Amino acid sequence: MRLILYSKPGCHLCEGLQEKLEKIQNLSFELEIRDITTREDWFGAYEYEVPVLYLSNHRGAEGREGEIIEAPLPRPSPRASVQQLEQMLRKYLAN
């Protein structure tokens, strides 16, 4: 499983969320950071929305074999603890 964090340089909310995600130890996931300033389409979509978190996984049974599905996750509160963030992620991983 992979999490994608859309971020931009100098965004304190982005940096805080990234730090918390990197501290989660009881879930196995790959964290990909996408700098929205590197692509116009990302910048246009997320300029005023960062940080934006997506869950990316390979779909088998329902979708085409090998199809990659990216689904947005609700934005966690900047005040959420690492444990609260982990609980939120577990909830979405179970679905």
PDB file of N, CA and C in Angstrom:
ATOM      1  N   MET A   1       0.831  -1.175   0.000  1.00  0.00           N
ATOM      2  CA  MET A   1       0.000   0.000   0.000  1.00  0.00           C
ATOM      3  C   MET A   1       0.883   1.247   0.000  1.00  0.00           C
ATOM      4  N   ARG A   2       0.370   2.273  -0.678  1.00  0.00           N
ATOM      5  CA  ARG A   2       1.140   3.499  -0.798  1.00  0.00           C
ATOM      6  C   ARG A   2       0.251   4.686  -0.455  1.00  0.00           C
ATOM      7  N   LEU A   3       0.811   5.625   0.301  1.00  0.00           N
ATOM      8  CA  LEU A   3       0.153   6.893   0.571  1.00  0.00           C
ATOM      9  C   LEU A   3       0.854   7.958  -0.254  1.00  0.00           C
ATOM     10  N   ILE A   4       0.078   8.841  -0.840  1.00  0.00           N
ATOM     11  CA  ILE A   4       0.624   9.943  -1.627  1.00  0.00           C
ATOM     12  C   ILE A   4       0.254  11.235  -0.916  1.00  0.00           C
ATOM     13  N   LEU A   5       1.256  12.042  -0.610  1.00  0.00           N
ATOM     14  CA  LEU A   5       1.042  13.323   0.045  1.00  0.00           C
ATOM     15  C   LEU A   5       1.376  14.427  -0.944  1.00  0.00           C
ATOM     16  N   TYR A   6       0.354  15.167  -1.355  1.00  0.00           N
ATOM     17  CA  TYR A   6       0.574  16.340  -2.200  1.00  0.00           C
ATOM     18  C   TYR A   6       0.949  17.480  -1.271  1.00  0.00           C
ATOM     19  N   SER A   7       2.078  18.104  -1.552  1.00  0.00           N
ATOM     20  CA  SER A   7       2.677  19.067  -0.649  1.00  0.00           C
ATOM     21  C   SER A   7       3.327  20.182  -1.454  1.00  0.00           C
ATOM     22  N   LYS A   8       3.797  21.217  -0.757  1.00  0.00           N
ATOM     23  CA  LYS A   8       4.607  22.241  -1.424  1.00  0.00           C
ATOM     24  C   LYS A   8       5.614  22.787  -0.429  1.00  0.00           C
ATOM     25  N   PRO A   9       6.733  23.284  -0.926  1.00  0.00           N
ATOM     26  CA  PRO A   9       7.767  23.814  -0.043  1.00  0.00           C
ATOM     27  C   PRO A   9       7.229  24.955   0.815  1.00  0.00           C
ATOM     28  N   GLY A  10       7.629  24.967   2.090  1.00  0.00           N
ATOM     29  CA  GLY A  10       7.228  26.038   2.990  1.00  0.00           C
ATOM     30  C   GLY A  10       5.850  25.861   3.607  1.00  0.00           C
ATOM     31  N   CYS A  11       5.184  24.757   3.323  1.00  0.00           N
ATOM     32  CA  CYS A  11       3.848  24.496   3.872  1.00  0.00           C
ATOM     33  C   CYS A  11       4.021  23.789   5.219  1.00  0.00           C
ATOM     34  N   HIS A  12       3.745  24.511   6.299  1.00  0.00           N
ATOM     35  CA  HIS A  12       3.939  23.941   7.632  1.00  0.00           C
ATOM     36  C   HIS A  12       2.959  22.809   7.932  1.00  0.00           C
ATOM     37  N   LEU A  13       1.734  22.914   7.413  1.00  0.00           N
ATOM     38  CA  LEU A  13       0.779  21.826   7.605  1.00  0.00           C
ATOM     39  C   LEU A  13       1.258  20.556   6.900  1.00  0.00           C
ATOM     40  N   CYS A  14       1.832  20.740   5.707  1.00  0.00           N
ATOM     41  CA  CYS A  14       2.358  19.596   4.940  1.00  0.00           C
ATOM     42  C   CYS A  14       3.508  18.928   5.688  1.00  0.00           C
ATOM     43  N   GLU A  15       4.414  19.761   6.186  1.00  0.00           N
ATOM     44  CA  GLU A  15       5.574  19.238   6.905  1.00  0.00           C
ATOM     45  C   GLU A  15       5.145  18.500   8.165  1.00  0.00           C
ATOM     46  N   GLY A  16       4.162  19.054   8.878  1.00  0.00           N
ATOM     47  CA  GLY A  16       3.675  18.407  10.098  1.00  0.00           C
ATOM     48  C   GLY A  16       3.049  17.059   9.814  1.00  0.00           C
ATOM     49  N   LEU A  17       2.228  16.992   8.757  1.00  0.00           N
ATOM     50  CA  LEU A  17       1.590  15.725   8.406  1.00  0.00           C
ATOM     51  C   LEU A  17       2.631  14.705   7.957  1.00  0.00           C
ATOM     52  N   GLN A  18       3.600  15.141   7.180  1.00  0.00           N
ATOM     53  CA  GLN A  18       4.657  14.230   6.725  1.00  0.00           C
ATOM     54  C   GLN A  18       5.420  13.658   7.919  1.00  0.00           C
ATOM     55  N   GLU A  19       5.768  14.503   8.876  1.00  0.00           N
ATOM     56  CA  GLU A  19       6.491  14.037  10.068  1.00  0.00           C
ATOM     57  C   GLU A  19       5.692  12.975  10.819  1.00  0.00           C
ATOM     58  N   LYS A  20       4.388  13.221  10.986  1.00  0.00           N
ATOM     59  CA  LYS A  20       3.551  12.258  11.707  1.00  0.00           C
ATOM     60  C   LYS A  20       3.437  10.948  10.936  1.00  0.00           C
ATOM     61  N   LEU A  21       3.266  11.033   9.620  1.00  0.00           N
ATOM     62  CA  LEU A  21       3.172   9.812   8.816  1.00  0.00           C
ATOM     63  C   LEU A  21       4.448   8.986   8.929  1.00  0.00           C
ATOM     64  N   GLU A  22       5.584   9.660   8.957  1.00  0.00           N
ATOM     65  CA  GLU A  22       6.863   8.955   9.044  1.00  0.00           C
ATOM     66  C   GLU A  22       7.080   8.308  10.409  1.00  0.00           C
ATOM     67  N   LYS A  23       6.347   8.758  11.429  1.00  0.00           N
ATOM     68  CA  LYS A  23       6.481   8.187  12.781  1.00  0.00           C
ATOM     69  C   LYS A  23       5.580   6.973  13.008  1.00  0.00           C
ATOM     70  N   ILE A  24       4.653   6.715  12.101  1.00  0.00           N
ATOM     71  CA  ILE A  24       3.760   5.562  12.258  1.00  0.00           C
ATOM     72  C   ILE A  24       4.566   4.281  12.060  1.00  0.00           C
ATOM     73  N   GLN A  25       4.519   3.410  13.062  1.00  0.00           N
ATOM     74  CA  GLN A  25       5.326   2.191  13.010  1.00  0.00           C
ATOM     75  C   GLN A  25       4.495   0.926  12.887  1.00  0.00           C
ATOM     76  N   ASN A  26       3.214   0.991  13.215  1.00  0.00           N
ATOM     77  CA  ASN A  26       2.406  -0.222  13.255  1.00  0.00           C
ATOM     78  C   ASN A  26       1.626  -0.485  11.980  1.00  0.00           C
ATOM     79  N   LEU A  27       1.856   0.308  10.968  1.00  0.00           N
ATOM     80  CA  LEU A  27       1.231   0.107   9.653  1.00  0.00           C
ATOM     81  C   LEU A  27       2.337   0.061   8.616  1.00  0.00           C
ATOM     82  N   SER A  28       2.142  -0.791   7.629  1.00  0.00           N
ATOM     83  CA  SER A  28       3.133  -0.895   6.573  1.00  0.00           C
ATOM     84  C   SER A  28       2.631  -0.160   5.334  1.00  0.00           C
ATOM     85  N   PHE A  29       3.329   0.907   4.953  1.00  0.00           N
ATOM     86  CA  PHE A  29       2.974   1.643   3.749  1.00  0.00           C
ATOM     87  C   PHE A  29       4.195   2.386   3.228  1.00  0.00           C
ATOM     88  N   GLU A  30       4.134   2.690   1.966  1.00  0.00           N
ATOM     89  CA  GLU A  30       5.168   3.493   1.322  1.00  0.00           C
ATOM     90  C   GLU A  30       4.610   4.908   1.226  1.00  0.00           C
ATOM     91  N   LEU A  31       5.405   5.906   1.586  1.00  0.00           N
ATOM     92  CA  LEU A  31       4.976   7.297   1.529  1.00  0.00           C
ATOM     93  C   LEU A  31       5.648   7.979   0.348  1.00  0.00           C
ATOM     94  N   GLU A  32       4.834   8.477  -0.564  1.00  0.00           N
ATOM     95  CA  GLU A  32       5.336   9.224  -1.718  1.00  0.00           C
ATOM     96  C   GLU A  32       4.945  10.684  -1.534  1.00  0.00           C
ATOM     97  N   ILE A  33       5.926  11.575  -1.601  1.00  0.00           N
ATOM     98  CA  ILE A  33       5.672  13.009  -1.484  1.00  0.00           C
ATOM     99  C   ILE A  33       5.678  13.592  -2.894  1.00  0.00           C
ATOM    100  N   ARG A  34       4.580  14.269  -3.248  1.00  0.00           N
ATOM    101  CA  ARG A  34       4.492  14.918  -4.557  1.00  0.00           C
ATOM    102  C   ARG A  34       4.474  16.430  -4.359  1.00  0.00           C
ATOM    103  N   ASP A  35       5.509  17.083  -4.835  1.00  0.00           N
ATOM    104  CA  ASP A  35       5.626  18.543  -4.752  1.00  0.00           C
ATOM    105  C   ASP A  35       4.769  19.153  -5.859  1.00  0.00           C
ATOM    106  N   ILE A  36       3.699  19.855  -5.465  1.00  0.00           N
ATOM    107  CA  ILE A  36       2.761  20.376  -6.460  1.00  0.00           C
ATOM    108  C   ILE A  36       3.366  21.473  -7.327  1.00  0.00           C
ATOM    109  N   THR A  37       4.508  22.033  -6.902  1.00  0.00           N
ATOM    110  CA  THR A  37       5.122  23.093  -7.706  1.00  0.00           C
ATOM    111  C   THR A  37       5.893  22.528  -8.899  1.00  0.00           C
ATOM    112  N   THR A  38       5.967  21.186  -8.990  1.00  0.00           N
ATOM    113  CA  THR A  38       6.724  20.576 -10.090  1.00  0.00           C
ATOM    114  C   THR A  38       5.854  20.247 -11.294  1.00  0.00           C
ATOM    115  N   ARG A  39       4.533  20.323 -11.146  1.00  0.00           N
ATOM    116  CA  ARG A  39       3.629  20.029 -12.264  1.00  0.00           C
ATOM    117  C   ARG A  39       2.450  20.987 -12.247  1.00  0.00           C
ATOM    118  N   GLU A  40       2.128  21.537 -13.394  1.00  0.00           N
ATOM    119  CA  GLU A  40       1.032  22.498 -13.486  1.00  0.00           C
ATOM    120  C   GLU A  40      -0.307  21.892 -13.088  1.00  0.00           C
ATOM    121  N   ASP A  41      -0.568  20.642 -13.502  1.00  0.00           N
ATOM    122  CA  ASP A  41      -1.863  20.031 -13.176  1.00  0.00           C
ATOM    123  C   ASP A  41      -2.017  19.841 -11.669  1.00  0.00           C
ATOM    124  N   TRP A  42      -0.949  19.429 -10.987  1.00  0.00           N
ATOM    125  CA  TRP A  42      -1.017  19.279  -9.532  1.00  0.00           C
ATOM    126  C   TRP A  42      -1.201  20.642  -8.876  1.00  0.00           C
ATOM    127  N   PHE A  43      -0.464  21.630  -9.347  1.00  0.00           N
ATOM    128  CA  PHE A  43      -0.540  22.960  -8.752  1.00  0.00           C
ATOM    129  C   PHE A  43      -1.946  23.537  -8.913  1.00  0.00           C
ATOM    130  N   GLY A  44      -2.509  23.389 -10.105  1.00  0.00           N
ATOM    131  CA  GLY A  44      -3.853  23.888 -10.352  1.00  0.00           C
ATOM    132  C   GLY A  44      -4.895  23.216  -9.482  1.00  0.00           C
ATOM    133  N   ALA A  45      -4.710  21.918  -9.253  1.00  0.00           N
ATOM    134  CA  ALA A  45      -5.691  21.158  -8.483  1.00  0.00           C
ATOM    135  C   ALA A  45      -5.566  21.381  -6.972  1.00  0.00           C
ATOM    136  N   TYR A  46      -4.334  21.565  -6.480  1.00  0.00           N
ATOM    137  CA  TYR A  46      -4.116  21.536  -5.031  1.00  0.00           C
ATOM    138  C   TYR A  46      -3.492  22.801  -4.449  1.00  0.00           C
ATOM    139  N   GLU A  47      -3.372  23.855  -5.245  1.00  0.00           N
ATOM    140  CA  GLU A  47      -2.697  25.076  -4.790  1.00  0.00           C
ATOM    141  C   GLU A  47      -3.208  25.554  -3.425  1.00  0.00           C
ATOM    142  N   TYR A  48      -4.524  25.545  -3.244  1.00  0.00           N
ATOM    143  CA  TYR A  48      -5.110  26.044  -1.997  1.00  0.00           C
ATOM    144  C   TYR A  48      -5.595  24.922  -1.083  1.00  0.00           C
ATOM    145  N   GLU A  49      -5.264  23.687  -1.417  1.00  0.00           N
ATOM    146  CA  GLU A  49      -5.794  22.542  -0.682  1.00  0.00           C
ATOM    147  C   GLU A  49      -4.748  21.774   0.126  1.00  0.00           C
ATOM    148  N   VAL A  50      -3.456  21.958  -0.160  1.00  0.00           N
ATOM    149  CA  VAL A  50      -2.434  21.141   0.494  1.00  0.00           C
ATOM    150  C   VAL A  50      -2.461  21.314   2.008  1.00  0.00           C
ATOM    151  N   PRO A  51      -2.153  20.282   2.761  1.00  0.00           N
ATOM    152  CA  PRO A  51      -1.765  18.951   2.305  1.00  0.00           C
ATOM    153  C   PRO A  51      -2.968  18.111   1.889  1.00  0.00           C
ATOM    154  N   VAL A  52      -2.767  17.312   0.853  1.00  0.00           N
ATOM    155  CA  VAL A  52      -3.792  16.397   0.366  1.00  0.00           C
ATOM    156  C   VAL A  52      -3.198  14.992   0.399  1.00  0.00           C
ATOM    157  N   LEU A  53      -3.957  14.069   0.962  1.00  0.00           N
ATOM    158  CA  LEU A  53      -3.476  12.699   1.144  1.00  0.00           C
ATOM    159  C   LEU A  53      -4.328  11.745   0.323  1.00  0.00           C
ATOM    160  N   TYR A  54      -3.655  10.875  -0.431  1.00  0.00           N
ATOM    161  CA  TYR A  54      -4.333   9.859  -1.250  1.00  0.00           C
ATOM    162  C   TYR A  54      -3.841   8.485  -0.851  1.00  0.00           C
ATOM    163  N   LEU A  55      -4.735   7.519  -0.961  1.00  0.00           N
ATOM    164  CA  LEU A  55      -4.395   6.110  -0.786  1.00  0.00           C
ATOM    165  C   LEU A  55      -4.297   5.506  -2.177  1.00  0.00           C
ATOM    166  N   SER A  56      -3.202   4.851  -2.456  1.00  0.00           N
ATOM    167  CA  SER A  56      -2.990   4.242  -3.763  1.00  0.00           C
ATOM    168  C   SER A  56      -2.758   2.753  -3.566  1.00  0.00           C
ATOM    169  N   ASN A  57      -3.490   1.944  -4.330  1.00  0.00           N
ATOM    170  CA  ASN A  57      -3.256   0.504  -4.246  1.00  0.00           C
ATOM    171  C   ASN A  57      -3.608  -0.166  -5.564  1.00  0.00           C
ATOM    172  N   HIS A  58      -3.116  -1.377  -5.712  1.00  0.00           N
ATOM    173  CA  HIS A  58      -3.408  -2.157  -6.913  1.00  0.00           C
ATOM    174  C   HIS A  58      -4.723  -2.875  -6.701  1.00  0.00           C
ATOM    175  N   ARG A  59      -5.560  -2.819  -7.688  1.00  0.00           N
ATOM    176  CA  ARG A  59      -6.895  -3.411  -7.594  1.00  0.00           C
ATOM    177  C   ARG A  59      -6.879  -4.735  -8.337  1.00  0.00           C
ATOM    178  N   GLY A  60      -7.485  -5.733  -7.750  1.00  0.00           N
ATOM    179  CA  GLY A  60      -7.551  -7.020  -8.418  1.00  0.00           C
ATOM    180  C   GLY A  60      -8.956  -7.390  -8.818  1.00  0.00           C
ATOM    181  N   ALA A  61      -9.702  -7.953  -7.897  1.00  0.00           N
ATOM    182  CA  ALA A  61     -11.003  -8.555  -8.196  1.00  0.00           C
ATOM    183  C   ALA A  61     -12.001  -7.623  -8.873  1.00  0.00           C
ATOM    184  N   GLU A  62     -12.262  -6.461  -8.290  1.00  0.00           N
ATOM    185  CA  GLU A  62     -13.307  -5.595  -8.835  1.00  0.00           C
ATOM    186  C   GLU A  62     -12.840  -4.835 -10.074  1.00  0.00           C
ATOM    187  N   GLY A  63     -11.621  -4.322 -10.017  1.00  0.00           N
ATOM    188  CA  GLY A  63     -11.094  -3.568 -11.146  1.00  0.00           C
ATOM    189  C   GLY A  63     -10.300  -4.473 -12.054  1.00  0.00           C
ATOM    190  N   ARG A  64      -9.747  -3.892 -13.090  1.00  0.00           N
ATOM    191  CA  ARG A  64      -8.885  -4.674 -13.983  1.00  0.00           C
ATOM    192  C   ARG A  64      -7.611  -5.060 -13.235  1.00  0.00           C
ATOM    193  N   GLU A  65      -7.104  -6.217 -13.531  1.00  0.00           N
ATOM    194  CA  GLU A  65      -5.885  -6.714 -12.892  1.00  0.00           C
ATOM    195  C   GLU A  65      -4.749  -5.721 -13.099  1.00  0.00           C
ATOM    196  N   GLY A  66      -4.078  -5.354 -11.998  1.00  0.00           N
ATOM    197  CA  GLY A  66      -2.948  -4.451 -12.080  1.00  0.00           C
ATOM    198  C   GLY A  66      -3.322  -2.979 -12.136  1.00  0.00           C
ATOM    199  N   GLU A  67      -4.619  -2.686 -12.148  1.00  0.00           N
ATOM    200  CA  GLU A  67      -5.068  -1.300 -12.190  1.00  0.00           C
ATOM    201  C   GLU A  67      -4.715  -0.611 -10.867  1.00  0.00           C
ATOM    202  N   ILE A  68      -4.209   0.611 -10.951  1.00  0.00           N
ATOM    203  CA  ILE A  68      -3.868   1.368  -9.753  1.00  0.00           C
ATOM    204  C   ILE A  68      -5.003   2.337  -9.458  1.00  0.00           C
ATOM    205  N   ILE A  69      -5.507   2.265  -8.241  1.00  0.00           N
ATOM    206  CA  ILE A  69      -6.606   3.117  -7.808  1.00  0.00           C
ATOM    207  C   ILE A  69      -6.050   4.125  -6.808  1.00  0.00           C
ATOM    208  N   GLU A  70      -6.303   5.410  -7.037  1.00  0.00           N
ATOM    209  CA  GLU A  70      -5.926   6.444  -6.086  1.00  0.00           C
ATOM    210  C   GLU A  70      -7.200   7.083  -5.560  1.00  0.00           C
ATOM    211  N   ALA A  71      -7.366   7.035  -4.242  1.00  0.00           N
ATOM    212  CA  ALA A  71      -8.566   7.584  -3.617  1.00  0.00           C
ATOM    213  C   ALA A  71      -8.162   8.621  -2.579  1.00  0.00           C
ATOM    214  N   PRO A  72      -8.804   9.792  -2.603  1.00  0.00           N
ATOM    215  CA  PRO A  72      -8.472  10.815  -1.603  1.00  0.00           C
ATOM    216  C   PRO A  72      -8.946  10.385  -0.215  1.00  0.00           C
ATOM    217  N   LEU A  73      -8.165  10.752   0.779  1.00  0.00           N
ATOM    218  CA  LEU A  73      -8.532  10.508   2.170  1.00  0.00           C
ATOM    219  C   LEU A  73      -8.933  11.839   2.800  1.00  0.00           C
ATOM    220  N   PRO A  74      -9.814  11.810   3.799  1.00  0.00           N
ATOM    221  CA  PRO A  74     -10.170  13.056   4.477  1.00  0.00           C
ATOM    222  C   PRO A  74      -8.930  13.683   5.109  1.00  0.00           C
ATOM    223  N   ARG A  75      -8.904  15.000   5.123  1.00  0.00           N
ATOM    224  CA  ARG A  75      -7.742  15.683   5.694  1.00  0.00           C
ATOM    225  C   ARG A  75      -7.752  15.523   7.214  1.00  0.00           C
ATOM    226  N   PRO A  76      -6.669  14.982   7.764  1.00  0.00           N
ATOM    227  CA  PRO A  76      -6.606  14.862   9.224  1.00  0.00           C
ATOM    228  C   PRO A  76      -6.391  16.237   9.857  1.00  0.00           C
ATOM    229  N   SER A  77      -6.863  16.386  11.062  1.00  0.00           N
ATOM    230  CA  SER A  77      -6.656  17.632  11.797  1.00  0.00           C
ATOM    231  C   SER A  77      -5.166  17.830  12.043  1.00  0.00           C
ATOM    232  N   PRO A  78      -4.682  19.063  11.920  1.00  0.00           N
ATOM    233  CA  PRO A  78      -3.272  19.329  12.245  1.00  0.00           C
ATOM    234  C   PRO A  78      -2.955  19.008  13.704  1.00  0.00           C
ATOM    235  N   ARG A  79      -3.985  18.947  14.538  1.00  0.00           N
ATOM    236  CA  ARG A  79      -3.788  18.636  15.962  1.00  0.00           C
ATOM    237  C   ARG A  79      -3.821  17.142  16.243  1.00  0.00           C
ATOM    238  N   ALA A  80      -4.132  16.340  15.244  1.00  0.00           N
ATOM    239  CA  ALA A  80      -4.208  14.884  15.442  1.00  0.00           C
ATOM    240  C   ALA A  80      -2.838  14.342  15.837  1.00  0.00           C
ATOM    241  N   SER A  81      -2.853  13.428  16.791  1.00  0.00           N
ATOM    242  CA  SER A  81      -1.611  12.784  17.212  1.00  0.00           C
ATOM    243  C   SER A  81      -1.226  11.709  16.194  1.00  0.00           C
ATOM    244  N   VAL A  82      -0.027  11.199  16.328  1.00  0.00           N
ATOM    245  CA  VAL A  82       0.429  10.106  15.468  1.00  0.00           C
ATOM    246  C   VAL A  82      -0.516   8.911  15.626  1.00  0.00           C
ATOM    247  N   GLN A  83      -0.939   8.627  16.862  1.00  0.00           N
ATOM    248  CA  GLN A  83      -1.835   7.503  17.121  1.00  0.00           C
ATOM    249  C   GLN A  83      -3.205   7.732  16.466  1.00  0.00           C
ATOM    250  N   GLN A  84      -3.726   8.936  16.532  1.00  0.00           N
ATOM    251  CA  GLN A  84      -5.016   9.235  15.907  1.00  0.00           C
ATOM    252  C   GLN A  84      -4.916   9.109  14.391  1.00  0.00           C
ATOM    253  N   LEU A  85      -3.814   9.556  13.832  1.00  0.00           N
ATOM    254  CA  LEU A  85      -3.598   9.446  12.394  1.00  0.00           C
ATOM    255  C   LEU A  85      -3.525   7.972  11.986  1.00  0.00           C
ATOM    256  N   GLU A  86      -2.838   7.168  12.784  1.00  0.00           N
ATOM    257  CA  GLU A  86      -2.744   5.736  12.503  1.00  0.00           C
ATOM    258  C   GLU A  86      -4.128   5.085  12.553  1.00  0.00           C
ATOM    259  N   GLN A  87      -4.956   5.456  13.536  1.00  0.00           N
ATOM    260  CA  GLN A  87      -6.310   4.899  13.633  1.00  0.00           C
ATOM    261  C   GLN A  87      -7.135   5.271  12.402  1.00  0.00           C
ATOM    262  N   MET A  88      -7.018   6.515  11.952  1.00  0.00           N
ATOM    263  CA  MET A  88      -7.758   6.945  10.772  1.00  0.00           C
ATOM    264  C   MET A  88      -7.332   6.126   9.545  1.00  0.00           C
ATOM    265  N   LEU A  89      -6.026   5.937   9.388  1.00  0.00           N
ATOM    266  CA  LEU A  89      -5.522   5.169   8.247  1.00  0.00           C
ATOM    267  C   LEU A  89      -5.988   3.715   8.305  1.00  0.00           C
ATOM    268  N   ARG A  90      -5.981   3.125   9.495  1.00  0.00           N
ATOM    269  CA  ARG A  90      -6.455   1.739   9.650  1.00  0.00           C
ATOM    270  C   ARG A  90      -7.902   1.613   9.176  1.00  0.00           C
ATOM    271  N   LYS A  91      -8.716   2.586   9.511  1.00  0.00           N
ATOM    272  CA  LYS A  91     -10.124   2.574   9.115  1.00  0.00           C
ATOM    273  C   LYS A  91     -10.261   2.536   7.594  1.00  0.00           C
ATOM    274  N   TYR A  92      -9.467   3.330   6.893  1.00  0.00           N
ATOM    275  CA  TYR A  92      -9.572   3.373   5.435  1.00  0.00           C
ATOM    276  C   TYR A  92      -8.887   2.198   4.770  1.00  0.00           C
ATOM    277  N   LEU A  93      -7.910   1.619   5.414  1.00  0.00           N
ATOM    278  CA  LEU A  93      -7.248   0.434   4.869  1.00  0.00           C
ATOM    279  C   LEU A  93      -8.161  -0.777   4.953  1.00  0.00           C
ATOM    280  N   ALA A  94      -9.039  -0.796   5.944  1.00  0.00           N
ATOM    281  CA  ALA A  94      -9.937  -1.934   6.138  1.00  0.00           C
ATOM    282  C   ALA A  94     -11.012  -1.982   5.030  1.00  0.00           C
ATOM    283  N   ASN A  95     -11.290  -0.851   4.413  1.00  0.00           N
ATOM    284  CA  ASN A  95     -12.341  -0.793   3.383  1.00  0.00           C
ATOM    285  C   ASN A  95     -11.835  -1.193   2.016  1.00  0.00           C
TER     286      ASN A  95
END
